[in-house]
Amino acid sequence: MNPASLAARRFRSRRMRLFLKELEVTPGTRVLDVGGTPFNWELCPFRPQVTLVNLLRALNPPPAGFRLVAASGCALPFADQSFEVVFCNSVIEHLGDPADRGRLASEIRRVARRYWVQTPNRWFPIEPHLETPLVHWLPRPWQQRIVRRASVWQWLERPTADRREYYIEHYLGDIRLLDKNELAGLFPDAVILKERFLGLTKSLIAVRR
């Protein structure tokens, strides 16, 4: 595991502990994880009653104890208030269309009263998907020229040509990082928490307790 992956694991472990505390989650809490995988839940000291929702291409058979549903977060196949808590980690920034981000936010607020929506902060100097400093602040044409040639992610991961092409195209075509005001606009009934690293806001979390 490379240093960036180790650091990400430490951050996520701390984040999951904060999630459990802030939302008062217990082993019996019914949680909907929108866009997630079992990974985050393996970092918890206990596991609530988790239903994972993800697109079909992102799904693998989960370990025992998880319910798995293939669906889009923009059109959740559940009735209003079906869950006690919605958890959504580093997903909303992958929806480049503002209308899709709005639909995802509405669906999260519809299916549970309490929710936790985390997203990387646009104003943190390291772009988290490519692990590259400052590139996300550049005009899009400049980003295209730079990331097609090199990024810290490519250097660390050494991906296959196919994986590299898919990931770079997804970054350029779909990923749009949000700032605090944008996240608050999508979740007006939430409190916005700040996850800090070296004094800077690394991630933003919309929380309704």
C-alpha atoms as a PDB file:
ATOM      1  CA  MET A   1       0.000   0.000   0.000  1.00  0.00           C
ATOM      2  CA  ASN A   2       1.496   3.351  -1.054  1.00  0.00           C
ATOM      3  CA  PRO A   3       1.843   6.287   1.403  1.00  0.00           C
ATOM      4  CA  ALA A   4      -1.131   8.115  -0.064  1.00  0.00           C
ATOM      5  CA  SER A   5      -3.333   5.044   0.399  1.00  0.00           C
ATOM      6  CA  LEU A   6      -2.160   4.646   3.997  1.00  0.00           C
ATOM      7  CA  ALA A   7      -2.937   8.290   4.725  1.00  0.00           C
ATOM      8  CA  ALA A   8      -6.370   7.937   3.110  1.00  0.00           C
ATOM      9  CA  ARG A   9      -7.104   4.906   5.272  1.00  0.00           C
ATOM     10  CA  ARG A  10      -6.204   6.823   8.434  1.00  0.00           C
ATOM     11  CA  PHE A  11      -8.405   9.755   7.394  1.00  0.00           C
ATOM     12  CA  ARG A  12     -11.321   7.470   6.608  1.00  0.00           C
ATOM     13  CA  SER A  13     -10.996   5.582   9.896  1.00  0.00           C
ATOM     14  CA  ARG A  14     -11.193   8.856  11.794  1.00  0.00           C
ATOM     15  CA  ARG A  15     -14.075  10.038   9.590  1.00  0.00           C
ATOM     16  CA  MET A  16     -16.076   6.868  10.208  1.00  0.00           C
ATOM     17  CA  ARG A  17     -15.662   7.202  13.975  1.00  0.00           C
ATOM     18  CA  LEU A  18     -16.911  10.796  13.761  1.00  0.00           C
ATOM     19  CA  PHE A  19     -19.856   9.683  11.616  1.00  0.00           C
ATOM     20  CA  LEU A  20     -20.924   7.071  14.167  1.00  0.00           C
ATOM     21  CA  LYS A  21     -20.708   9.632  16.974  1.00  0.00           C
ATOM     22  CA  GLU A  22     -22.379  12.581  15.210  1.00  0.00           C
ATOM     23  CA  LEU A  23     -25.351  10.558  13.918  1.00  0.00           C
ATOM     24  CA  GLU A  24     -25.622   8.407  17.063  1.00  0.00           C
ATOM     25  CA  VAL A  25     -25.376   5.241  15.004  1.00  0.00           C
ATOM     26  CA  THR A  26     -25.697   1.880  16.739  1.00  0.00           C
ATOM     27  CA  PRO A  27     -25.426  -1.710  15.457  1.00  0.00           C
ATOM     28  CA  GLY A  28     -29.207  -1.650  14.940  1.00  0.00           C
ATOM     29  CA  THR A  29     -29.349   1.589  12.909  1.00  0.00           C
ATOM     30  CA  ARG A  30     -30.637   1.197   9.343  1.00  0.00           C
ATOM     31  CA  VAL A  31     -28.096   3.016   7.142  1.00  0.00           C
ATOM     32  CA  LEU A  32     -28.239   3.591   3.392  1.00  0.00           C
ATOM     33  CA  ASP A  33     -24.776   4.039   1.854  1.00  0.00           C
ATOM     34  CA  VAL A  34     -25.245   5.836  -1.460  1.00  0.00           C
ATOM     35  CA  GLY A  35     -22.420   5.128  -3.878  1.00  0.00           C
ATOM     36  CA  GLY A  36     -20.410   3.196  -1.333  1.00  0.00           C
ATOM     37  CA  THR A  37     -18.636  -0.113  -0.959  1.00  0.00           C
ATOM     38  CA  PRO A  38     -17.905  -2.311   2.087  1.00  0.00           C
ATOM     39  CA  PHE A  39     -14.473  -0.672   2.546  1.00  0.00           C
ATOM     40  CA  ASN A  40     -15.523   2.207   4.830  1.00  0.00           C
ATOM     41  CA  TRP A  41     -17.547  -0.092   7.057  1.00  0.00           C
ATOM     42  CA  GLU A  42     -14.562  -2.360   7.606  1.00  0.00           C
ATOM     43  CA  LEU A  43     -12.921   0.604   9.358  1.00  0.00           C
ATOM     44  CA  CYS A  44     -15.701   0.878  11.981  1.00  0.00           C
ATOM     45  CA  PRO A  45     -15.558  -0.591  15.482  1.00  0.00           C
ATOM     46  CA  PHE A  46     -19.003  -2.104  14.736  1.00  0.00           C
ATOM     47  CA  ARG A  47     -21.258  -2.380  11.701  1.00  0.00           C
ATOM     48  CA  PRO A  48     -24.817  -1.011  11.546  1.00  0.00           C
ATOM     49  CA  GLN A  49     -27.513  -2.470   9.259  1.00  0.00           C
ATOM     50  CA  VAL A  50     -26.031  -1.255   5.950  1.00  0.00           C
ATOM     51  CA  THR A  51     -27.664  -1.221   2.521  1.00  0.00           C
ATOM     52  CA  LEU A  52     -25.212  -0.372  -0.264  1.00  0.00           C
ATOM     53  CA  VAL A  53     -26.519   1.387  -3.381  1.00  0.00           C
ATOM     54  CA  ASN A  54     -24.232   1.688  -6.375  1.00  0.00           C
ATOM     55  CA  LEU A  55     -24.206   1.437 -10.141  1.00  0.00           C
ATOM     56  CA  LEU A  56     -24.009  -2.080 -11.506  1.00  0.00           C
ATOM     57  CA  ARG A  57     -20.506  -1.634 -12.938  1.00  0.00           C
ATOM     58  CA  ALA A  58     -19.163  -0.675  -9.496  1.00  0.00           C
ATOM     59  CA  LEU A  59     -20.624  -3.618  -7.614  1.00  0.00           C
ATOM     60  CA  ASN A  60     -18.901  -6.769  -6.461  1.00  0.00           C
ATOM     61  CA  PRO A  61     -20.421  -9.425  -4.211  1.00  0.00           C
ATOM     62  CA  PRO A  62     -20.210  -7.920  -0.693  1.00  0.00           C
ATOM     63  CA  PRO A  63     -19.238  -9.726   2.493  1.00  0.00           C
ATOM     64  CA  ALA A  64     -21.969 -11.284   4.604  1.00  0.00           C
ATOM     65  CA  GLY A  65     -24.138  -8.785   6.436  1.00  0.00           C
ATOM     66  CA  PHE A  66     -24.578  -6.214   3.661  1.00  0.00           C
ATOM     67  CA  ARG A  67     -27.644  -5.682   1.506  1.00  0.00           C
ATOM     68  CA  LEU A  68     -26.750  -4.695  -2.055  1.00  0.00           C
ATOM     69  CA  VAL A  69     -28.976  -2.706  -4.464  1.00  0.00           C
ATOM     70  CA  ALA A  70     -28.012  -1.714  -8.019  1.00  0.00           C
ATOM     71  CA  ALA A  71     -29.422   1.767  -8.630  1.00  0.00           C
ATOM     72  CA  SER A  72     -28.539   5.395  -9.250  1.00  0.00           C
ATOM     73  CA  GLY A  73     -28.327   7.732  -6.298  1.00  0.00           C
ATOM     74  CA  CYS A  74     -30.309  10.225  -8.380  1.00  0.00           C
ATOM     75  CA  ALA A  75     -33.324   7.895  -8.399  1.00  0.00           C
ATOM     76  CA  LEU A  76     -33.309   5.781  -5.252  1.00  0.00           C
ATOM     77  CA  PRO A  77     -35.790   2.868  -5.322  1.00  0.00           C
ATOM     78  CA  PHE A  78     -36.990   3.402  -1.746  1.00  0.00           C
ATOM     79  CA  ALA A  79     -40.004   5.023  -0.137  1.00  0.00           C
ATOM     80  CA  ASP A  80     -39.741   8.273   1.807  1.00  0.00           C
ATOM     81  CA  GLN A  81     -38.001   7.925   5.186  1.00  0.00           C
ATOM     82  CA  SER A  82     -37.121   4.273   4.525  1.00  0.00           C
ATOM     83  CA  PHE A  83     -33.867   4.574   6.467  1.00  0.00           C
ATOM     84  CA  GLU A  84     -32.743   6.152   9.694  1.00  0.00           C
ATOM     85  CA  VAL A  85     -29.479   7.534   8.245  1.00  0.00           C
ATOM     86  CA  VAL A  86     -27.993   8.123   4.776  1.00  0.00           C
ATOM     87  CA  PHE A  87     -24.216   8.000   4.381  1.00  0.00           C
ATOM     88  CA  CYS A  88     -22.631   9.347   1.182  1.00  0.00           C
ATOM     89  CA  ASN A  89     -18.841   9.590   1.036  1.00  0.00           C
ATOM     90  CA  SER A  90     -16.900  11.222  -1.828  1.00  0.00           C
ATOM     91  CA  VAL A  91     -19.695  10.685  -4.349  1.00  0.00           C
ATOM     92  CA  ILE A  92     -21.447  13.955  -5.131  1.00  0.00           C
ATOM     93  CA  GLU A  93     -18.368  15.527  -6.765  1.00  0.00           C
ATOM     94  CA  HIS A  94     -18.428  12.731  -9.364  1.00  0.00           C
ATOM     95  CA  LEU A  95     -21.654  14.157 -10.813  1.00  0.00           C
ATOM     96  CA  GLY A  96     -20.529  16.847 -13.225  1.00  0.00           C
ATOM     97  CA  ASP A  97     -24.068  17.935 -14.123  1.00  0.00           C
ATOM     98  CA  PRO A  98     -25.458  20.404 -11.543  1.00  0.00           C
ATOM     99  CA  ALA A  99     -28.962  18.981 -12.113  1.00  0.00           C
ATOM    100  CA  ASP A 100     -27.711  15.508 -11.165  1.00  0.00           C
ATOM    101  CA  ARG A 101     -26.122  16.867  -7.995  1.00  0.00           C
ATOM    102  CA  GLY A 102     -29.445  18.456  -7.116  1.00  0.00           C
ATOM    103  CA  ARG A 103     -31.310  15.209  -7.728  1.00  0.00           C
ATOM    104  CA  LEU A 104     -28.861  13.259  -5.568  1.00  0.00           C
ATOM    105  CA  ALA A 105     -29.220  15.779  -2.737  1.00  0.00           C
ATOM    106  CA  SER A 106     -33.019  15.646  -2.946  1.00  0.00           C
ATOM    107  CA  GLU A 107     -33.052  11.853  -2.872  1.00  0.00           C
ATOM    108  CA  ILE A 108     -30.741  11.737   0.153  1.00  0.00           C
ATOM    109  CA  ARG A 109     -32.991  14.139   2.045  1.00  0.00           C
ATOM    110  CA  ARG A 110     -36.097  12.217   0.989  1.00  0.00           C
ATOM    111  CA  VAL A 111     -35.191   8.720   2.179  1.00  0.00           C
ATOM    112  CA  ALA A 112     -33.925   9.641   5.671  1.00  0.00           C
ATOM    113  CA  ARG A 113     -34.193  12.503   8.126  1.00  0.00           C
ATOM    114  CA  ARG A 114     -30.570  12.197   9.222  1.00  0.00           C
ATOM    115  CA  TYR A 115     -27.711  12.200   6.739  1.00  0.00           C
ATOM    116  CA  TRP A 116     -23.950  12.584   6.301  1.00  0.00           C
ATOM    117  CA  VAL A 117     -22.612  13.747   2.934  1.00  0.00           C
ATOM    118  CA  GLN A 118     -18.834  14.179   2.609  1.00  0.00           C
ATOM    119  CA  THR A 119     -17.025  15.700  -0.354  1.00  0.00           C
ATOM    120  CA  PRO A 120     -13.471  16.995  -0.933  1.00  0.00           C
ATOM    121  CA  ASN A 121     -13.084  20.746  -0.509  1.00  0.00           C
ATOM    122  CA  ARG A 122     -12.461  22.571  -3.769  1.00  0.00           C
ATOM    123  CA  TRP A 123     -10.090  24.971  -2.017  1.00  0.00           C
ATOM    124  CA  PHE A 124      -7.759  22.343  -0.593  1.00  0.00           C
ATOM    125  CA  PRO A 125      -4.534  22.635  -2.647  1.00  0.00           C
ATOM    126  CA  ILE A 126      -4.193  18.922  -3.536  1.00  0.00           C
ATOM    127  CA  GLU A 127      -6.700  17.452  -5.961  1.00  0.00           C
ATOM    128  CA  PRO A 128      -7.713  14.212  -4.177  1.00  0.00           C
ATOM    129  CA  HIS A 129      -8.510  11.996  -7.159  1.00  0.00           C
ATOM    130  CA  LEU A 130      -5.258  12.612  -9.009  1.00  0.00           C
ATOM    131  CA  GLU A 131      -3.349  13.389  -5.779  1.00  0.00           C
ATOM    132  CA  THR A 132      -1.783  16.301  -7.644  1.00  0.00           C
ATOM    133  CA  PRO A 133      -1.238  19.828  -6.255  1.00  0.00           C
ATOM    134  CA  LEU A 134      -3.136  22.797  -7.696  1.00  0.00           C
ATOM    135  CA  VAL A 135      -4.232  21.150 -10.957  1.00  0.00           C
ATOM    136  CA  HIS A 136      -7.958  21.534 -10.174  1.00  0.00           C
ATOM    137  CA  TRP A 137      -7.583  25.306  -9.906  1.00  0.00           C
ATOM    138  CA  LEU A 138      -6.361  25.637 -13.494  1.00  0.00           C
ATOM    139  CA  PRO A 139      -8.587  26.297 -16.518  1.00  0.00           C
ATOM    140  CA  ARG A 140     -10.013  23.082 -17.941  1.00  0.00           C
ATOM    141  CA  PRO A 141      -7.942  23.165 -21.161  1.00  0.00           C
ATOM    142  CA  TRP A 142      -4.764  23.409 -19.061  1.00  0.00           C
ATOM    143  CA  GLN A 143      -5.912  20.516 -16.893  1.00  0.00           C
ATOM    144  CA  GLN A 144      -6.471  18.388 -19.971  1.00  0.00           C
ATOM    145  CA  ARG A 145      -2.957  18.989 -21.230  1.00  0.00           C
ATOM    146  CA  ILE A 146      -1.356  18.310 -17.853  1.00  0.00           C
ATOM    147  CA  VAL A 147      -3.227  15.264 -16.561  1.00  0.00           C
ATOM    148  CA  ARG A 148      -3.098  13.397 -19.858  1.00  0.00           C
ATOM    149  CA  ARG A 149       0.686  13.512 -19.567  1.00  0.00           C
ATOM    150  CA  ALA A 150       1.326  13.095 -15.849  1.00  0.00           C
ATOM    151  CA  SER A 151      -0.147  13.129 -12.346  1.00  0.00           C
ATOM    152  CA  VAL A 152       0.929  11.973  -8.911  1.00  0.00           C
ATOM    153  CA  TRP A 153      -1.822   9.315  -9.066  1.00  0.00           C
ATOM    154  CA  GLN A 154      -0.295   7.770 -12.187  1.00  0.00           C
ATOM    155  CA  TRP A 155       3.161   7.769 -10.622  1.00  0.00           C
ATOM    156  CA  LEU A 156       1.946   6.079  -7.428  1.00  0.00           C
ATOM    157  CA  GLU A 157      -0.546   3.613  -8.888  1.00  0.00           C
ATOM    158  CA  ARG A 158       1.171   2.621 -12.139  1.00  0.00           C
ATOM    159  CA  PRO A 159      -2.229   1.782 -13.678  1.00  0.00           C
ATOM    160  CA  THR A 160      -2.743  -0.239 -16.845  1.00  0.00           C
ATOM    161  CA  ALA A 161      -3.277   1.798 -19.992  1.00  0.00           C
ATOM    162  CA  ASP A 162      -7.014   1.047 -20.025  1.00  0.00           C
ATOM    163  CA  ARG A 163      -7.497   1.970 -16.376  1.00  0.00           C
ATOM    164  CA  ARG A 164      -5.443   5.119 -16.774  1.00  0.00           C
ATOM    165  CA  GLU A 165      -7.505   6.221 -19.797  1.00  0.00           C
ATOM    166  CA  TYR A 166     -10.825   5.557 -18.042  1.00  0.00           C
ATOM    167  CA  TYR A 167      -9.797   7.356 -14.855  1.00  0.00           C
ATOM    168  CA  ILE A 168      -8.390  10.429 -16.611  1.00  0.00           C
ATOM    169  CA  GLU A 169     -11.455  10.728 -18.848  1.00  0.00           C
ATOM    170  CA  HIS A 170     -13.739  10.391 -15.831  1.00  0.00           C
ATOM    171  CA  TYR A 171     -11.808  13.107 -13.988  1.00  0.00           C
ATOM    172  CA  LEU A 172     -11.931  15.494 -16.938  1.00  0.00           C
ATOM    173  CA  GLY A 173     -15.509  14.772 -17.916  1.00  0.00           C
ATOM    174  CA  ASP A 174     -17.343  14.291 -14.653  1.00  0.00           C
ATOM    175  CA  ILE A 175     -15.537  15.371 -11.496  1.00  0.00           C
ATOM    176  CA  ARG A 176     -16.381  18.845 -10.202  1.00  0.00           C
ATOM    177  CA  LEU A 177     -15.221  19.712  -6.688  1.00  0.00           C
ATOM    178  CA  LEU A 178     -17.548  21.753  -4.489  1.00  0.00           C
ATOM    179  CA  ASP A 179     -16.918  24.555  -2.029  1.00  0.00           C
ATOM    180  CA  LYS A 180     -18.725  25.187   1.260  1.00  0.00           C
ATOM    181  CA  ASN A 181     -21.389  27.472  -0.214  1.00  0.00           C
ATOM    182  CA  GLU A 182     -22.224  25.008  -2.987  1.00  0.00           C
ATOM    183  CA  LEU A 183     -22.582  22.125  -0.543  1.00  0.00           C
ATOM    184  CA  ALA A 184     -24.711  24.228   1.821  1.00  0.00           C
ATOM    185  CA  GLY A 185     -26.937  25.201  -1.095  1.00  0.00           C
ATOM    186  CA  LEU A 186     -27.607  21.541  -1.873  1.00  0.00           C
ATOM    187  CA  PHE A 187     -28.286  20.697   1.787  1.00  0.00           C
ATOM    188  CA  PRO A 188     -29.854  23.826   3.331  1.00  0.00           C
ATOM    189  CA  ASP A 189     -31.034  22.005   6.466  1.00  0.00           C
ATOM    190  CA  ALA A 190     -27.539  20.673   7.276  1.00  0.00           C
ATOM    191  CA  VAL A 191     -24.616  21.813   9.372  1.00  0.00           C
ATOM    192  CA  ILE A 192     -21.366  21.936   7.368  1.00  0.00           C
ATOM    193  CA  LEU A 193     -18.453  20.336   9.218  1.00  0.00           C
ATOM    194  CA  LYS A 194     -14.847  20.861   8.158  1.00  0.00           C
ATOM    195  CA  GLU A 195     -12.291  18.063   8.086  1.00  0.00           C
ATOM    196  CA  ARG A 196      -8.849  19.638   8.438  1.00  0.00           C
ATOM    197  CA  PHE A 197      -5.319  18.649   7.523  1.00  0.00           C
ATOM    198  CA  LEU A 198      -2.340  20.814   8.500  1.00  0.00           C
ATOM    199  CA  GLY A 199      -4.754  23.601   9.358  1.00  0.00           C
ATOM    200  CA  LEU A 200      -6.465  23.570   5.949  1.00  0.00           C
ATOM    201  CA  THR A 201      -9.964  22.336   5.194  1.00  0.00           C
ATOM    202  CA  LYS A 202      -9.470  19.077   3.342  1.00  0.00           C
ATOM    203  CA  SER A 203     -13.096  17.921   3.173  1.00  0.00           C
ATOM    204  CA  LEU A 204     -16.575  19.271   3.804  1.00  0.00           C
ATOM    205  CA  ILE A 205     -19.366  17.264   5.421  1.00  0.00           C
ATOM    206  CA  ALA A 206     -23.064  18.170   5.293  1.00  0.00           C
ATOM    207  CA  VAL A 207     -24.657  16.690   8.432  1.00  0.00           C
ATOM    208  CA  ARG A 208     -28.241  16.638   9.548  1.00  0.00           C
ATOM    209  CA  ARG A 209     -28.439  15.079  12.987  1.00  0.00           C
END
